[in-house]
């Protein structure tokens, strides 16, 4: 006597639902594993004082803007100092 297969015991729609459920569960496990691995990598990088590339790029852009701003302020300060001669303070005023 022939042993009945799974296809003989379950209708095709049930097999499809089971396969779909299994694929969905595997996708969930894959996502969970990816999240766990990314978390572990971020912890390891943080321990070593390393930062993500996008964080580095953002800080680099902020630094470039700050340097430009400092240079502008230094230039304005030099212009202001050149325009106003410094007052000499007498010895009597210091006391």
N, C-alpha and C. Protein backbone atom coordinates (compact mmCIF):
# COMPACT_ATOMS: atom_id res chain seq x y z
N UNK A 1 0.83 -1.18 0.00
CA UNK A 1 0.00 0.00 0.00
C UNK A 1 0.88 1.25 0.00
N UNK A 2 0.50 2.23 -0.80
CA UNK A 2 1.25 3.46 -0.95
C UNK A 2 0.98 4.39 0.23
N UNK A 3 2.08 4.95 0.78
CA UNK A 3 1.96 5.88 1.89
C UNK A 3 1.49 7.23 1.34
N UNK A 4 0.47 7.84 1.94
CA UNK A 4 -0.03 9.11 1.41
C UNK A 4 0.98 10.25 1.65
N UNK A 5 1.12 11.10 0.67
CA UNK A 5 2.04 12.24 0.79
C UNK A 5 1.30 13.41 1.44
N UNK A 6 2.07 14.43 1.77
CA UNK A 6 1.50 15.62 2.39
C UNK A 6 0.49 16.26 1.46
N UNK A 7 0.79 16.25 0.17
CA UNK A 7 -0.12 16.84 -0.82
C UNK A 7 -1.44 16.09 -0.87
N UNK A 8 -1.40 14.77 -0.62
CA UNK A 8 -2.64 13.98 -0.61
C UNK A 8 -3.48 14.32 0.62
N UNK A 9 -2.82 14.62 1.73
CA UNK A 9 -3.55 14.85 2.98
C UNK A 9 -4.10 16.28 3.09
N UNK A 10 -3.38 17.25 2.53
CA UNK A 10 -3.80 18.65 2.64
C UNK A 10 -4.16 19.22 1.28
N UNK A 11 -5.18 20.02 1.25
CA UNK A 11 -5.51 20.68 -0.03
C UNK A 11 -4.40 21.66 -0.42
N UNK A 12 -4.35 22.01 -1.69
CA UNK A 12 -3.32 22.88 -2.22
C UNK A 12 -3.32 24.25 -1.52
N UNK A 13 -4.47 24.77 -1.19
CA UNK A 13 -4.53 26.08 -0.54
C UNK A 13 -3.88 26.02 0.85
N UNK A 14 -4.04 24.89 1.55
CA UNK A 14 -3.41 24.75 2.86
C UNK A 14 -1.88 24.70 2.72
N UNK A 15 -1.41 23.99 1.70
CA UNK A 15 0.04 23.92 1.45
C UNK A 15 0.59 25.31 1.11
N UNK A 16 -0.16 26.06 0.34
CA UNK A 16 0.27 27.40 -0.04
C UNK A 16 0.35 28.29 1.20
N UNK A 17 -0.65 28.19 2.07
CA UNK A 17 -0.66 28.98 3.29
C UNK A 17 0.51 28.60 4.20
N UNK A 18 0.81 27.32 4.29
CA UNK A 18 1.93 26.88 5.12
C UNK A 18 3.25 27.41 4.57
N UNK A 19 3.42 27.32 3.26
CA UNK A 19 4.65 27.81 2.63
C UNK A 19 4.78 29.32 2.81
N UNK A 20 3.69 30.02 2.67
CA UNK A 20 3.70 31.47 2.84
C UNK A 20 4.06 31.84 4.29
N UNK A 21 3.48 31.12 5.24
CA UNK A 21 3.77 31.36 6.65
C UNK A 21 5.23 31.08 6.98
N UNK A 22 5.76 30.00 6.41
CA UNK A 22 7.17 29.65 6.65
C UNK A 22 8.09 30.72 6.05
N UNK A 23 7.77 31.19 4.86
CA UNK A 23 8.59 32.22 4.23
C UNK A 23 8.54 33.52 5.04
N UNK A 24 7.37 33.84 5.54
CA UNK A 24 7.22 35.05 6.35
C UNK A 24 8.03 34.93 7.64
N UNK A 25 7.97 33.77 8.28
CA UNK A 25 8.73 33.54 9.51
C UNK A 25 10.23 33.63 9.25
N UNK A 26 10.68 33.08 8.14
CA UNK A 26 12.10 33.16 7.80
C UNK A 26 12.52 34.60 7.54
N UNK A 27 11.65 35.37 6.90
CA UNK A 27 11.94 36.78 6.67
C UNK A 27 12.06 37.54 7.98
N UNK A 28 11.18 37.23 8.93
CA UNK A 28 11.24 37.87 10.25
C UNK A 28 12.54 37.53 10.97
N UNK A 29 12.93 36.26 10.90
CA UNK A 29 14.17 35.81 11.54
C UNK A 29 15.37 36.51 10.89
N UNK A 30 15.33 36.64 9.58
CA UNK A 30 16.42 37.31 8.87
C UNK A 30 16.53 38.77 9.31
N UNK A 31 15.40 39.45 9.41
CA UNK A 31 15.40 40.84 9.86
C UNK A 31 15.92 40.97 11.28
N UNK A 32 15.52 40.06 12.13
CA UNK A 32 15.97 40.06 13.53
C UNK A 32 17.49 39.84 13.61
N UNK A 33 17.99 38.90 12.82
CA UNK A 33 19.43 38.63 12.80
C UNK A 33 20.20 39.85 12.29
N UNK A 34 19.68 40.49 11.27
CA UNK A 34 20.34 41.68 10.72
C UNK A 34 20.41 42.79 11.78
N UNK A 35 19.31 42.99 12.49
CA UNK A 35 19.27 44.01 13.54
C UNK A 35 20.26 43.70 14.65
N UNK A 36 20.32 42.45 15.06
CA UNK A 36 21.25 42.04 16.12
C UNK A 36 22.70 42.23 15.68
N UNK A 37 23.00 41.84 14.45
CA UNK A 37 24.37 41.98 13.95
C UNK A 37 24.77 43.45 13.85
N UNK A 38 23.86 44.29 13.36
CA UNK A 38 24.15 45.71 13.24
C UNK A 38 24.39 46.33 14.61
N UNK A 39 23.61 45.91 15.58
CA UNK A 39 23.78 46.42 16.95
C UNK A 39 25.14 46.03 17.51
N UNK A 40 25.56 44.80 17.29
CA UNK A 40 26.85 44.33 17.78
C UNK A 40 28.00 45.08 17.09
N UNK A 41 27.87 45.32 15.81
CA UNK A 41 28.90 46.05 15.06
C UNK A 41 29.01 47.48 15.58
N UNK A 42 27.86 48.13 15.81
CA UNK A 42 27.87 49.50 16.32
C UNK A 42 28.51 49.57 17.71
N UNK A 43 28.24 48.57 18.55
CA UNK A 43 28.86 48.53 19.88
C UNK A 43 30.38 48.39 19.77
N UNK A 44 30.83 47.52 18.88
CA UNK A 44 32.26 47.30 18.71
C UNK A 44 32.94 48.56 18.19
N UNK A 45 32.31 49.24 17.26
CA UNK A 45 32.89 50.48 16.72
C UNK A 45 32.91 51.57 17.79
N UNK A 46 31.86 51.65 18.59
CA UNK A 46 31.80 52.66 19.65
C UNK A 46 32.90 52.42 20.69
N UNK A 47 33.17 51.16 21.00
CA UNK A 47 34.24 50.85 21.96
C UNK A 47 35.59 51.35 21.47
N UNK A 48 35.78 51.33 20.18
CA UNK A 48 37.06 51.73 19.60
C UNK A 48 37.09 53.22 19.26
N UNK A 49 36.01 53.92 19.57
CA UNK A 49 35.96 55.36 19.31
C UNK A 49 35.74 55.71 17.85
N UNK A 50 35.23 54.78 17.07
CA UNK A 50 34.98 55.04 15.65
C UNK A 50 33.54 55.53 15.47
N UNK A 51 33.32 56.32 14.42
CA UNK A 51 31.99 56.83 14.14
C UNK A 51 31.55 56.39 12.75
N UNK A 52 30.25 56.48 12.52
CA UNK A 52 29.70 56.13 11.21
C UNK A 52 30.14 57.17 10.18
N UNK A 53 30.21 56.77 8.94
CA UNK A 53 30.66 57.66 7.87
C UNK A 53 29.78 58.90 7.76
N UNK A 54 28.46 58.73 7.85
CA UNK A 54 27.59 59.89 7.71
C UNK A 54 27.76 60.87 8.88
N UNK A 55 28.05 60.36 10.08
CA UNK A 55 28.34 61.25 11.22
C UNK A 55 29.63 62.01 10.99
N UNK A 56 30.63 61.32 10.48
CA UNK A 56 31.92 61.95 10.18
C UNK A 56 31.74 63.05 9.14
N UNK A 57 31.01 62.73 8.06
CA UNK A 57 30.80 63.71 7.00
C UNK A 57 30.05 64.94 7.51
N UNK A 58 29.05 64.72 8.36
CA UNK A 58 28.29 65.84 8.92
C UNK A 58 29.18 66.72 9.78
N UNK A 59 30.02 66.12 10.61
CA UNK A 59 30.93 66.90 11.45
C UNK A 59 31.97 67.64 10.60
N UNK A 60 32.43 66.99 9.57
CA UNK A 60 33.41 67.62 8.68
C UNK A 60 32.81 68.87 8.01
N UNK A 61 31.54 68.77 7.59
CA UNK A 61 30.87 69.92 6.97
C UNK A 61 30.69 71.05 7.98
N UNK A 62 30.31 70.70 9.22
CA UNK A 62 30.16 71.72 10.26
C UNK A 62 31.50 72.39 10.57
N UNK A 63 32.57 71.61 10.58
CA UNK A 63 33.90 72.16 10.84
C UNK A 63 34.31 73.13 9.74
N UNK A 64 34.04 72.78 8.49
CA UNK A 64 34.38 73.65 7.37
C UNK A 64 33.63 74.98 7.48
N UNK A 65 32.35 74.93 7.84
CA UNK A 65 31.58 76.16 8.02
C UNK A 65 32.14 76.99 9.18
N UNK A 66 32.53 76.34 10.25
CA UNK A 66 33.08 77.04 11.41
C UNK A 66 34.39 77.73 11.05
N UNK A 67 35.22 77.05 10.28
CA UNK A 67 36.51 77.63 9.87
C UNK A 67 36.27 78.88 9.03
N UNK A 68 35.33 78.82 8.09
CA UNK A 68 35.02 79.98 7.26
C UNK A 68 34.52 81.12 8.13
N UNK A 69 33.64 80.81 9.08
CA UNK A 69 33.10 81.84 9.98
C UNK A 69 34.20 82.47 10.83
N UNK A 70 35.11 81.68 11.34
CA UNK A 70 36.22 82.20 12.15
C UNK A 70 37.10 83.12 11.31
N UNK A 71 37.38 82.71 10.08
CA UNK A 71 38.19 83.55 9.20
C UNK A 71 37.50 84.88 8.91
N UNK A 72 36.18 84.85 8.71
CA UNK A 72 35.43 86.09 8.49
C UNK A 72 35.51 87.00 9.72
N UNK A 73 35.33 86.43 10.89
CA UNK A 73 35.38 87.22 12.12
C UNK A 73 36.77 87.79 12.37
N UNK A 74 37.81 87.00 12.10
CA UNK A 74 39.17 87.49 12.26
C UNK A 74 39.44 88.66 11.32
N UNK A 75 38.93 88.57 10.11
CA UNK A 75 39.10 89.63 9.13
C UNK A 75 38.38 90.90 9.60
N UNK A 76 37.15 90.75 10.08
CA UNK A 76 36.41 91.91 10.58
C UNK A 76 37.10 92.54 11.79
N UNK A 77 37.63 91.70 12.66
CA UNK A 77 38.33 92.20 13.84
C UNK A 77 39.58 92.98 13.44
N UNK A 78 40.32 92.45 12.46
CA UNK A 78 41.52 93.14 11.98
C UNK A 78 41.16 94.48 11.35
N UNK A 79 40.06 94.52 10.59
CA UNK A 79 39.61 95.78 9.97
C UNK A 79 39.21 96.79 11.04
N UNK A 80 38.51 96.33 12.05
CA UNK A 80 38.07 97.22 13.13
C UNK A 80 39.27 97.74 13.91
N UNK A 81 40.25 96.90 14.14
CA UNK A 81 41.44 97.32 14.87
C UNK A 81 42.25 98.32 14.06
N UNK A 82 42.29 98.16 12.76
CA UNK A 82 43.04 99.08 11.90
C UNK A 82 42.33 100.42 11.79
N UNK A 83 41.02 100.41 11.83
CA UNK A 83 40.24 101.64 11.70
C UNK A 83 40.31 102.49 12.97
N UNK A 84 40.39 101.88 14.13
CA UNK A 84 40.44 102.60 15.40
C UNK A 84 41.82 102.47 15.99
N UNK A 85 42.52 103.57 16.08
CA UNK A 85 43.82 103.46 16.76
C UNK A 85 43.60 103.21 18.24
N UNK A 86 44.44 102.41 18.83
CA UNK A 86 44.31 102.06 20.25
C UNK A 86 44.63 103.28 21.10
N UNK A 87 43.86 103.50 22.13
CA UNK A 87 44.09 104.61 23.06
C UNK A 87 45.20 104.21 24.02
N UNK A 88 46.07 105.16 24.29
CA UNK A 88 47.11 104.90 25.27
C UNK A 88 46.58 105.32 26.63
N UNK A 89 46.72 104.43 27.58
CA UNK A 89 46.24 104.70 28.93
C UNK A 89 47.38 105.28 29.72
N UNK A 90 47.10 106.42 30.35
CA UNK A 90 48.14 107.07 31.15
C UNK A 90 48.37 106.30 32.44
N UNK A 91 49.51 106.50 33.04
CA UNK A 91 49.84 105.81 34.29
C UNK A 91 48.90 106.23 35.39
N UNK A 92 48.41 107.43 35.38
CA UNK A 92 47.49 107.91 36.42
C UNK A 92 46.15 107.21 36.31
N UNK A 93 45.70 106.91 35.10
CA UNK A 93 44.42 106.25 34.90
C UNK A 93 44.48 104.79 35.34
N UNK A 94 45.65 104.17 35.27
CA UNK A 94 45.79 102.78 35.67
C UNK A 94 45.66 102.63 37.18
N UNK A 95 46.02 103.68 37.96
CA UNK A 95 45.99 103.57 39.42
C UNK A 95 44.66 103.80 39.96
